[in-house]
Amino acid sequence: MGLKIAIQGIKGSNHHQVAKNYFGDDVQYVECRSFDNLVDQLLLKTVDTGVMAIENSIAGSIIPNYALVYSKNLHIIGEQYLNIHHHLMVLKGQTMEDIKEVHSHPMALLQCKEFFRDYSHIKLVEDIDTAETAKRIQENQLVGIAAIAPKVAAELYDLDIIQSNIQTIKENSTRFIIVKTQNKVWPKEEINKASIRFLTDHKRGSLATVLNVMSDCNLNLTKIQSLPVIEMPWKYSFFVDVTFEEYQHFEKAKSLLGIMTEEFKVLGEYKKAKRI
């Protein structure tokens, strides 16, 4: 087998789909119950790389994952966008009329809530994972139970999709980051995106000054997320993604921001992914 890739959840999950899209089929998957467990696998060097969701176009940022990347000294070496499609799947031969309960991750249930308004007889049950529910339906031959999960789960666990794209908001995309414990992946001429973290002092206009430097260095700000610094009450760190046409522009910004900010760290330098 090729690379060992840690994914949150099991095969058939969106993380699994992203890993397939990014690395191809010649990889070995290590299924992780949580993002903390995924990071532990990286630190223990039982896997080469990890795939982590970091933000969703509807739900926003996955705040704990920003903190994990920084605190565990991980490096972002790539990214991938995935359009999220929720499908209703059952054992072969089952129909909508047979379904008594639908099990899935709380976020999937929430994003499909409107669909079930027309099916008052169906109970919505929160579960740990979308794909895991699909797997359990097949393994235990659960009649009257449906799962909301990605299409790849139906293929893996031999289930019938009886309703497709049942999410309320059809344009739903998640950004995933590819993480390692080392950052030497791309040559400079291919790098056009970076993720950084910094702290500013409490002086008026400090953040605005930093953002102006980025603009002056021809960096395009694509994301900014603030997080409280736990050990420093009322102090905030800023996680920022920037894109650029030439790496030398980012190099110049790094040298300036290292002087201007109280703390400055590059979390990753990589190739930006196409939004789909």
C-alpha atoms as a PDB file:
ATOM      1  CA  MET A   1       0.000   0.000   0.000  1.00  0.00           C
ATOM      2  CA  GLY A   2       0.969   3.640  -0.423  1.00  0.00           C
ATOM      3  CA  LEU A   3       0.620   6.462   2.097  1.00  0.00           C
ATOM      4  CA  LYS A   4      -1.178   5.956   5.402  1.00  0.00           C
ATOM      5  CA  ILE A   5      -3.825   8.679   5.696  1.00  0.00           C
ATOM      6  CA  ALA A   6      -5.732   9.505   8.889  1.00  0.00           C
ATOM      7  CA  ILE A   7      -9.374  10.516   8.348  1.00  0.00           C
ATOM      8  CA  GLN A   8     -11.991  11.632  10.836  1.00  0.00           C
ATOM      9  CA  GLY A   9     -14.775   9.074  10.725  1.00  0.00           C
ATOM     10  CA  ILE A  10     -14.789   5.883   8.684  1.00  0.00           C
ATOM     11  CA  LYS A  11     -14.673   4.920   5.030  1.00  0.00           C
ATOM     12  CA  GLY A  12     -17.698   6.357   3.301  1.00  0.00           C
ATOM     13  CA  SER A  13     -17.415   9.696   5.107  1.00  0.00           C
ATOM     14  CA  ASN A  14     -16.739  13.068   3.498  1.00  0.00           C
ATOM     15  CA  HIS A  15     -13.195  12.909   4.877  1.00  0.00           C
ATOM     16  CA  HIS A  16     -12.734   9.614   3.055  1.00  0.00           C
ATOM     17  CA  GLN A  17     -14.016  11.169  -0.177  1.00  0.00           C
ATOM     18  CA  VAL A  18     -11.625  14.116   0.153  1.00  0.00           C
ATOM     19  CA  ALA A  19      -8.673  11.786   0.780  1.00  0.00           C
ATOM     20  CA  LYS A  20      -9.593   9.796  -2.350  1.00  0.00           C
ATOM     21  CA  ASN A  21      -9.849  12.991  -4.393  1.00  0.00           C
ATOM     22  CA  TYR A  22      -6.533  14.335  -3.156  1.00  0.00           C
ATOM     23  CA  PHE A  23      -4.348  11.203  -2.960  1.00  0.00           C
ATOM     24  CA  GLY A  24      -6.009   8.730  -5.313  1.00  0.00           C
ATOM     25  CA  ASP A  25      -6.731   5.096  -4.521  1.00  0.00           C
ATOM     26  CA  ASP A  26      -3.275   3.777  -3.613  1.00  0.00           C
ATOM     27  CA  VAL A  27      -3.469   4.749   0.067  1.00  0.00           C
ATOM     28  CA  GLN A  28      -4.237   3.068   3.373  1.00  0.00           C
ATOM     29  CA  TYR A  29      -6.841   4.728   5.587  1.00  0.00           C
ATOM     30  CA  VAL A  30      -6.673   4.983   9.361  1.00  0.00           C
ATOM     31  CA  GLU A  31     -10.152   5.718  10.699  1.00  0.00           C
ATOM     32  CA  CYS A  32     -10.250   8.104  13.687  1.00  0.00           C
ATOM     33  CA  ARG A  33     -13.129   8.692  16.100  1.00  0.00           C
ATOM     34  CA  SER A  34     -12.246  12.341  16.647  1.00  0.00           C
ATOM     35  CA  PHE A  35      -9.958  15.086  15.395  1.00  0.00           C
ATOM     36  CA  ASP A  36      -7.920  14.748  18.604  1.00  0.00           C
ATOM     37  CA  ASN A  37      -7.393  11.076  17.815  1.00  0.00           C
ATOM     38  CA  LEU A  38      -6.414  11.988  14.242  1.00  0.00           C
ATOM     39  CA  VAL A  39      -3.762  14.401  15.515  1.00  0.00           C
ATOM     40  CA  ASP A  40      -2.480  11.771  17.966  1.00  0.00           C
ATOM     41  CA  GLN A  41      -1.947   9.387  15.042  1.00  0.00           C
ATOM     42  CA  LEU A  42       0.134  12.031  13.287  1.00  0.00           C
ATOM     43  CA  LEU A  43       2.229  12.774  16.359  1.00  0.00           C
ATOM     44  CA  LEU A  44       2.801   9.079  16.994  1.00  0.00           C
ATOM     45  CA  LYS A  45       3.891   8.766  13.349  1.00  0.00           C
ATOM     46  CA  THR A  46       1.498   5.860  12.730  1.00  0.00           C
ATOM     47  CA  VAL A  47       0.248   7.803   9.688  1.00  0.00           C
ATOM     48  CA  ASP A  48       1.940  10.012   7.120  1.00  0.00           C
ATOM     49  CA  THR A  49      -0.776  12.615   6.636  1.00  0.00           C
ATOM     50  CA  GLY A  50      -4.162  13.660   7.990  1.00  0.00           C
ATOM     51  CA  VAL A  51      -7.301  15.162   6.455  1.00  0.00           C
ATOM     52  CA  MET A  52      -9.250  17.634   8.606  1.00  0.00           C
ATOM     53  CA  ALA A  53     -12.348  19.707   7.904  1.00  0.00           C
ATOM     54  CA  ILE A  54     -11.670  23.345   8.799  1.00  0.00           C
ATOM     55  CA  GLU A  55     -14.677  25.378   7.627  1.00  0.00           C
ATOM     56  CA  ASN A  56     -18.101  25.028   6.056  1.00  0.00           C
ATOM     57  CA  SER A  57     -19.877  27.543   3.842  1.00  0.00           C
ATOM     58  CA  ILE A  58     -23.016  27.283   6.016  1.00  0.00           C
ATOM     59  CA  ALA A  59     -21.820  26.433   9.527  1.00  0.00           C
ATOM     60  CA  GLY A  60     -18.614  28.504   9.436  1.00  0.00           C
ATOM     61  CA  SER A  61     -15.256  27.682  10.991  1.00  0.00           C
ATOM     62  CA  ILE A  62     -14.503  24.539  12.976  1.00  0.00           C
ATOM     63  CA  ILE A  63     -12.805  26.484  15.748  1.00  0.00           C
ATOM     64  CA  PRO A  64     -11.199  23.601  17.705  1.00  0.00           C
ATOM     65  CA  ASN A  65      -9.316  22.476  14.598  1.00  0.00           C
ATOM     66  CA  TYR A  66      -7.563  25.818  14.264  1.00  0.00           C
ATOM     67  CA  ALA A  67      -6.358  25.440  17.847  1.00  0.00           C
ATOM     68  CA  LEU A  68      -5.260  21.842  17.192  1.00  0.00           C
ATOM     69  CA  VAL A  69      -3.150  22.769  14.179  1.00  0.00           C
ATOM     70  CA  TYR A  70      -1.385  25.512  16.120  1.00  0.00           C
ATOM     71  CA  SER A  71      -0.974  23.854  19.519  1.00  0.00           C
ATOM     72  CA  LYS A  72       0.240  20.532  18.102  1.00  0.00           C
ATOM     73  CA  ASN A  73       2.654  22.223  15.696  1.00  0.00           C
ATOM     74  CA  LEU A  74       1.093  20.721  12.578  1.00  0.00           C
ATOM     75  CA  HIS A  75       1.777  22.010   9.076  1.00  0.00           C
ATOM     76  CA  ILE A  76      -0.853  22.558   6.401  1.00  0.00           C
ATOM     77  CA  ILE A  77       0.515  21.203   3.132  1.00  0.00           C
ATOM     78  CA  GLY A  78      -2.648  21.394   1.016  1.00  0.00           C
ATOM     79  CA  GLU A  79      -6.381  21.960   0.887  1.00  0.00           C
ATOM     80  CA  GLN A  80      -9.432  20.543  -0.836  1.00  0.00           C
ATOM     81  CA  TYR A  81     -13.001  21.749  -1.271  1.00  0.00           C
ATOM     82  CA  LEU A  82     -15.903  19.321  -1.314  1.00  0.00           C
ATOM     83  CA  ASN A  83     -19.506  20.026  -2.217  1.00  0.00           C
ATOM     84  CA  ILE A  84     -21.594  18.384   0.477  1.00  0.00           C
ATOM     85  CA  HIS A  85     -24.480  16.224  -0.764  1.00  0.00           C
ATOM     86  CA  HIS A  86     -26.757  14.491   1.714  1.00  0.00           C
ATOM     87  CA  HIS A  87     -28.497  11.330   0.503  1.00  0.00           C
ATOM     88  CA  LEU A  88     -31.089   9.188   2.254  1.00  0.00           C
ATOM     89  CA  MET A  89     -30.118   5.512   2.121  1.00  0.00           C
ATOM     90  CA  VAL A  90     -31.639   2.236   3.326  1.00  0.00           C
ATOM     91  CA  LEU A  91     -31.328  -1.530   2.991  1.00  0.00           C
ATOM     92  CA  LYS A  92     -32.186  -2.684  -0.493  1.00  0.00           C
ATOM     93  CA  GLY A  93     -35.948  -3.059  -0.979  1.00  0.00           C
ATOM     94  CA  GLN A  94     -36.936  -0.477   1.636  1.00  0.00           C
ATOM     95  CA  THR A  95     -39.071   2.565   0.719  1.00  0.00           C
ATOM     96  CA  MET A  96     -39.905   5.914   2.319  1.00  0.00           C
ATOM     97  CA  GLU A  97     -43.044   4.355   3.796  1.00  0.00           C
ATOM     98  CA  ASP A  98     -40.926   1.726   5.609  1.00  0.00           C
ATOM     99  CA  ILE A  99     -38.734   4.249   7.406  1.00  0.00           C
ATOM    100  CA  LYS A 100     -39.434   4.838  11.093  1.00  0.00           C
ATOM    101  CA  GLU A 101     -36.148   6.491  12.072  1.00  0.00           C
ATOM    102  CA  VAL A 102     -33.355   8.384  10.333  1.00  0.00           C
ATOM    103  CA  HIS A 103     -29.940   8.345  12.007  1.00  0.00           C
ATOM    104  CA  SER A 104     -27.050  10.665  11.184  1.00  0.00           C
ATOM    105  CA  HIS A 105     -24.602  13.248  12.472  1.00  0.00           C
ATOM    106  CA  PRO A 106     -26.397  16.221  14.122  1.00  0.00           C
ATOM    107  CA  MET A 107     -25.141  18.640  11.452  1.00  0.00           C
ATOM    108  CA  ALA A 108     -26.458  16.451   8.628  1.00  0.00           C
ATOM    109  CA  LEU A 109     -29.846  16.177  10.348  1.00  0.00           C
ATOM    110  CA  LEU A 110     -29.966  19.938  10.813  1.00  0.00           C
ATOM    111  CA  GLN A 111     -29.088  20.618   7.181  1.00  0.00           C
ATOM    112  CA  CYS A 112     -31.879  18.263   6.014  1.00  0.00           C
ATOM    113  CA  LYS A 113     -34.532  19.265   8.545  1.00  0.00           C
ATOM    114  CA  GLU A 114     -36.851  20.908   6.010  1.00  0.00           C
ATOM    115  CA  PHE A 115     -37.057  17.745   3.917  1.00  0.00           C
ATOM    116  CA  PHE A 116     -38.536  15.762   6.795  1.00  0.00           C
ATOM    117  CA  ARG A 117     -41.358  18.222   7.488  1.00  0.00           C
ATOM    118  CA  ASP A 118     -43.424  16.198   5.006  1.00  0.00           C
ATOM    119  CA  TYR A 119     -42.675  12.951   6.860  1.00  0.00           C
ATOM    120  CA  SER A 120     -43.977  13.490  10.382  1.00  0.00           C
ATOM    121  CA  HIS A 121     -43.892   9.751  11.112  1.00  0.00           C
ATOM    122  CA  ILE A 122     -40.095   9.656  10.873  1.00  0.00           C
ATOM    123  CA  LYS A 123     -38.035  10.205  14.021  1.00  0.00           C
ATOM    124  CA  LEU A 124     -34.677  11.952  13.596  1.00  0.00           C
ATOM    125  CA  VAL A 125     -31.939  10.430  15.749  1.00  0.00           C
ATOM    126  CA  GLU A 126     -28.519  12.002  16.293  1.00  0.00           C
ATOM    127  CA  ASP A 127     -25.549   9.689  15.749  1.00  0.00           C
ATOM    128  CA  ILE A 128     -21.772   9.957  15.863  1.00  0.00           C
ATOM    129  CA  ASP A 129     -21.108   9.880  12.120  1.00  0.00           C
ATOM    130  CA  THR A 130     -22.889   9.734   8.770  1.00  0.00           C
ATOM    131  CA  ALA A 131     -20.990   6.841   7.205  1.00  0.00           C
ATOM    132  CA  GLU A 132     -20.880   4.809  10.413  1.00  0.00           C
ATOM    133  CA  THR A 133     -24.671   4.788  10.513  1.00  0.00           C
ATOM    134  CA  ALA A 134     -24.795   3.505   6.938  1.00  0.00           C
ATOM    135  CA  LYS A 135     -22.311   0.767   7.766  1.00  0.00           C
ATOM    136  CA  ARG A 136     -24.309  -0.297  10.817  1.00  0.00           C
ATOM    137  CA  ILE A 137     -27.534  -0.548   8.813  1.00  0.00           C
ATOM    138  CA  GLN A 138     -25.890  -3.044   6.473  1.00  0.00           C
ATOM    139  CA  GLU A 139     -24.005  -5.008   9.120  1.00  0.00           C
ATOM    140  CA  ASN A 140     -27.063  -5.420  11.361  1.00  0.00           C
ATOM    141  CA  GLN A 141     -29.623  -5.561   8.534  1.00  0.00           C
ATOM    142  CA  LEU A 142     -31.623  -2.784  10.188  1.00  0.00           C
ATOM    143  CA  VAL A 143     -35.136  -2.582   8.770  1.00  0.00           C
ATOM    144  CA  GLY A 144     -37.043   0.687   9.094  1.00  0.00           C
ATOM    145  CA  ILE A 145     -33.847   2.681   9.715  1.00  0.00           C
ATOM    146  CA  ALA A 146     -32.344   5.090   7.188  1.00  0.00           C
ATOM    147  CA  ALA A 147     -29.072   6.999   7.154  1.00  0.00           C
ATOM    148  CA  ILE A 148     -28.171  10.412   5.781  1.00  0.00           C
ATOM    149  CA  ALA A 149     -24.714  10.003   4.284  1.00  0.00           C
ATOM    150  CA  PRO A 150     -22.536  10.704   1.215  1.00  0.00           C
ATOM    151  CA  LYS A 151     -23.022   8.713  -1.978  1.00  0.00           C
ATOM    152  CA  VAL A 152     -19.740   6.864  -1.417  1.00  0.00           C
ATOM    153  CA  ALA A 153     -21.221   5.315   1.753  1.00  0.00           C
ATOM    154  CA  ALA A 154     -24.102   3.777  -0.194  1.00  0.00           C
ATOM    155  CA  GLU A 155     -21.612   2.297  -2.654  1.00  0.00           C
ATOM    156  CA  LEU A 156     -19.344   0.901   0.058  1.00  0.00           C
ATOM    157  CA  TYR A 157     -22.101  -0.573   2.207  1.00  0.00           C
ATOM    158  CA  ASP A 158     -24.436  -1.696  -0.580  1.00  0.00           C
ATOM    159  CA  LEU A 159     -27.419   0.485   0.345  1.00  0.00           C
ATOM    160  CA  ASP A 160     -30.130   2.001  -1.841  1.00  0.00           C
ATOM    161  CA  ILE A 161     -30.349   5.776  -2.127  1.00  0.00           C
ATOM    162  CA  ILE A 162     -34.085   6.506  -2.067  1.00  0.00           C
ATOM    163  CA  GLN A 163     -33.821  10.314  -1.958  1.00  0.00           C
ATOM    164  CA  SER A 164     -30.905  12.357  -3.286  1.00  0.00           C
ATOM    165  CA  ASN A 165     -29.655  15.807  -2.285  1.00  0.00           C
ATOM    166  CA  ILE A 166     -32.122  16.311   0.532  1.00  0.00           C
ATOM    167  CA  GLN A 167     -30.163  19.179   2.111  1.00  0.00           C
ATOM    168  CA  THR A 168     -32.129  22.434   2.442  1.00  0.00           C
ATOM    169  CA  ILE A 169     -29.359  24.648   1.045  1.00  0.00           C
ATOM    170  CA  LYS A 170     -28.048  23.076  -2.140  1.00  0.00           C
ATOM    171  CA  GLU A 171     -24.841  25.131  -2.310  1.00  0.00           C
ATOM    172  CA  ASN A 172     -23.029  23.649   0.668  1.00  0.00           C
ATOM    173  CA  SER A 173     -19.254  23.321   0.556  1.00  0.00           C
ATOM    174  CA  THR A 174     -16.632  22.321   3.113  1.00  0.00           C
ATOM    175  CA  ARG A 175     -12.954  23.208   3.025  1.00  0.00           C
ATOM    176  CA  PHE A 176     -10.570  20.503   4.212  1.00  0.00           C
ATOM    177  CA  ILE A 177      -6.890  20.898   5.042  1.00  0.00           C
ATOM    178  CA  ILE A 178      -4.160  18.308   4.487  1.00  0.00           C
ATOM    179  CA  VAL A 179      -1.815  18.226   7.484  1.00  0.00           C
ATOM    180  CA  LYS A 180       1.566  16.697   8.326  1.00  0.00           C
ATOM    181  CA  THR A 181       4.132  17.099  11.069  1.00  0.00           C
ATOM    182  CA  GLN A 182       6.624  18.486   8.533  1.00  0.00           C
ATOM    183  CA  ASN A 183       6.168  21.227   5.966  1.00  0.00           C
ATOM    184  CA  LYS A 184       8.721  20.587   3.207  1.00  0.00           C
ATOM    185  CA  VAL A 185       6.430  19.608   0.348  1.00  0.00           C
ATOM    186  CA  TRP A 186       6.134  22.238  -2.390  1.00  0.00           C
ATOM    187  CA  PRO A 187       8.881  24.172  -4.220  1.00  0.00           C
ATOM    188  CA  LYS A 188       8.548  27.925  -3.766  1.00  0.00           C
ATOM    189  CA  GLU A 189       7.516  28.556  -7.354  1.00  0.00           C
ATOM    190  CA  GLU A 190       4.411  26.399  -6.873  1.00  0.00           C
ATOM    191  CA  ILE A 191       3.293  27.904  -3.549  1.00  0.00           C
ATOM    192  CA  ASN A 192       0.497  30.471  -3.877  1.00  0.00           C
ATOM    193  CA  LYS A 193      -1.353  30.234  -0.560  1.00  0.00           C
ATOM    194  CA  ALA A 194      -0.361  30.345   3.102  1.00  0.00           C
ATOM    195  CA  SER A 195      -1.955  30.030   6.520  1.00  0.00           C
ATOM    196  CA  ILE A 196      -0.519  32.104   9.372  1.00  0.00           C
ATOM    197  CA  ARG A 197      -1.224  32.899  13.019  1.00  0.00           C
ATOM    198  CA  PHE A 198      -0.283  36.066  14.849  1.00  0.00           C
ATOM    199  CA  LEU A 199      -0.992  38.214  17.912  1.00  0.00           C
ATOM    200  CA  THR A 200      -1.117  41.994  17.989  1.00  0.00           C
ATOM    201  CA  ASP A 201      -0.756  44.379  20.903  1.00  0.00           C
ATOM    202  CA  HIS A 202      -3.663  46.357  22.360  1.00  0.00           C
ATOM    203  CA  LYS A 203      -2.785  49.615  20.622  1.00  0.00           C
ATOM    204  CA  ARG A 204      -5.525  51.198  18.530  1.00  0.00           C
ATOM    205  CA  GLY A 205      -5.292  50.227  14.876  1.00  0.00           C
ATOM    206  CA  SER A 206      -2.779  47.386  15.393  1.00  0.00           C
ATOM    207  CA  LEU A 207      -4.789  44.855  13.397  1.00  0.00           C
ATOM    208  CA  ALA A 208      -5.556  47.388  10.677  1.00  0.00           C
ATOM    209  CA  THR A 209      -1.841  48.110  10.339  1.00  0.00           C
ATOM    210  CA  VAL A 210      -1.054  44.415   9.909  1.00  0.00           C
ATOM    211  CA  LEU A 211      -3.775  44.019   7.274  1.00  0.00           C
ATOM    212  CA  ASN A 212      -2.466  47.074   5.420  1.00  0.00           C
ATOM    213  CA  VAL A 213       1.003  45.498   5.289  1.00  0.00           C
ATOM    214  CA  MET A 214      -0.495  42.382   3.757  1.00  0.00           C
ATOM    215  CA  SER A 215      -2.243  44.491   1.147  1.00  0.00           C
ATOM    216  CA  ASP A 216       0.922  46.471   0.416  1.00  0.00           C
ATOM    217  CA  CYS A 217       2.754  43.175  -0.138  1.00  0.00           C
ATOM    218  CA  ASN A 218       0.141  42.103  -2.710  1.00  0.00           C
ATOM    219  CA  LEU A 219      -1.411  39.443  -0.492  1.00  0.00           C
ATOM    220  CA  ASN A 220      -5.096  38.653  -0.894  1.00  0.00           C
ATOM    221  CA  LEU A 221      -6.795  37.937   2.436  1.00  0.00           C
ATOM    222  CA  THR A 222      -9.192  34.993   1.998  1.00  0.00           C
ATOM    223  CA  LYS A 223      -9.931  34.141   5.637  1.00  0.00           C
ATOM    224  CA  ILE A 224      -9.512  35.691   9.084  1.00  0.00           C
ATOM    225  CA  GLN A 225     -10.541  33.938  12.287  1.00  0.00           C
ATOM    226  CA  SER A 226      -9.952  35.196  15.827  1.00  0.00           C
ATOM    227  CA  LEU A 227      -9.516  32.868  18.807  1.00  0.00           C
ATOM    228  CA  PRO A 228      -9.041  33.795  22.451  1.00  0.00           C
ATOM    229  CA  VAL A 229      -5.621  33.017  23.903  1.00  0.00           C
ATOM    230  CA  ILE A 230      -6.657  30.867  26.862  1.00  0.00           C
ATOM    231  CA  GLU A 231      -3.698  31.645  29.084  1.00  0.00           C
ATOM    232  CA  MET A 232      -4.006  35.407  28.402  1.00  0.00           C
ATOM    233  CA  PRO A 233      -7.522  36.714  29.286  1.00  0.00           C
ATOM    234  CA  TRP A 234      -8.994  39.129  26.714  1.00  0.00           C
ATOM    235  CA  LYS A 235      -6.125  38.510  24.334  1.00  0.00           C
ATOM    236  CA  TYR A 236      -6.914  37.192  20.852  1.00  0.00           C
ATOM    237  CA  SER A 237      -4.896  35.409  18.198  1.00  0.00           C
ATOM    238  CA  PHE A 238      -5.688  35.734  14.514  1.00  0.00           C
ATOM    239  CA  PHE A 239      -5.624  32.868  12.039  1.00  0.00           C
ATOM    240  CA  VAL A 240      -5.344  34.186   8.491  1.00  0.00           C
ATOM    241  CA  ASP A 241      -5.246  32.642   5.013  1.00  0.00           C
ATOM    242  CA  VAL A 242      -3.666  34.607   2.187  1.00  0.00           C
ATOM    243  CA  THR A 243      -3.093  33.985  -1.501  1.00  0.00           C
ATOM    244  CA  PHE A 244      -0.460  35.584  -3.726  1.00  0.00           C
ATOM    245  CA  GLU A 245       0.849  35.530  -7.268  1.00  0.00           C
ATOM    246  CA  GLU A 246       4.545  35.350  -6.391  1.00  0.00           C
ATOM    247  CA  TYR A 247       6.179  33.707  -3.400  1.00  0.00           C
ATOM    248  CA  GLN A 248       8.550  36.643  -2.935  1.00  0.00           C
ATOM    249  CA  HIS A 249       5.539  38.789  -2.006  1.00  0.00           C
ATOM    250  CA  PHE A 250       4.762  36.448   0.860  1.00  0.00           C
ATOM    251  CA  GLU A 251       8.428  36.307   1.889  1.00  0.00           C
ATOM    252  CA  LYS A 252       8.467  40.083   2.193  1.00  0.00           C
ATOM    253  CA  ALA A 253       5.256  40.041   4.251  1.00  0.00           C
ATOM    254  CA  LYS A 254       6.683  37.349   6.554  1.00  0.00           C
ATOM    255  CA  SER A 255       9.747  39.435   7.356  1.00  0.00           C
ATOM    256  CA  LEU A 256       7.627  42.507   8.150  1.00  0.00           C
ATOM    257  CA  LEU A 257       4.953  40.705  10.152  1.00  0.00           C
ATOM    258  CA  GLY A 258       7.579  38.897  12.196  1.00  0.00           C
ATOM    259  CA  ILE A 259       8.713  42.327  13.422  1.00  0.00           C
ATOM    260  CA  MET A 260       5.300  43.989  13.752  1.00  0.00           C
ATOM    261  CA  THR A 261       3.380  41.301  15.637  1.00  0.00           C
ATOM    262  CA  GLU A 262       3.857  39.956  19.155  1.00  0.00           C
ATOM    263  CA  GLU A 263       3.797  36.382  17.903  1.00  0.00           C
ATOM    264  CA  PHE A 264       3.964  35.198  14.312  1.00  0.00           C
ATOM    265  CA  LYS A 265       3.895  31.669  12.952  1.00  0.00           C
ATOM    266  CA  VAL A 266       3.448  30.175   9.499  1.00  0.00           C
ATOM    267  CA  LEU A 267       1.069  27.216   9.741  1.00  0.00           C
ATOM    268  CA  GLY A 268       1.467  26.161   6.139  1.00  0.00           C
ATOM    269  CA  GLU A 269       2.593  27.142   2.634  1.00  0.00           C
ATOM    270  CA  TYR A 270       0.874  25.251  -0.164  1.00  0.00           C
ATOM    271  CA  LYS A 271      -1.021  25.335  -3.454  1.00  0.00           C
ATOM    272  CA  LYS A 272      -4.513  26.761  -3.292  1.00  0.00           C
ATOM    273  CA  ALA A 273      -7.335  24.450  -4.335  1.00  0.00           C
ATOM    274  CA  LYS A 274     -10.074  25.310  -6.781  1.00  0.00           C
ATOM    275  CA  ARG A 275     -13.419  25.987  -5.190  1.00  0.00           C
ATOM    276  CA  ILE A 276     -16.114  23.763  -6.629  1.00  0.00           C
END
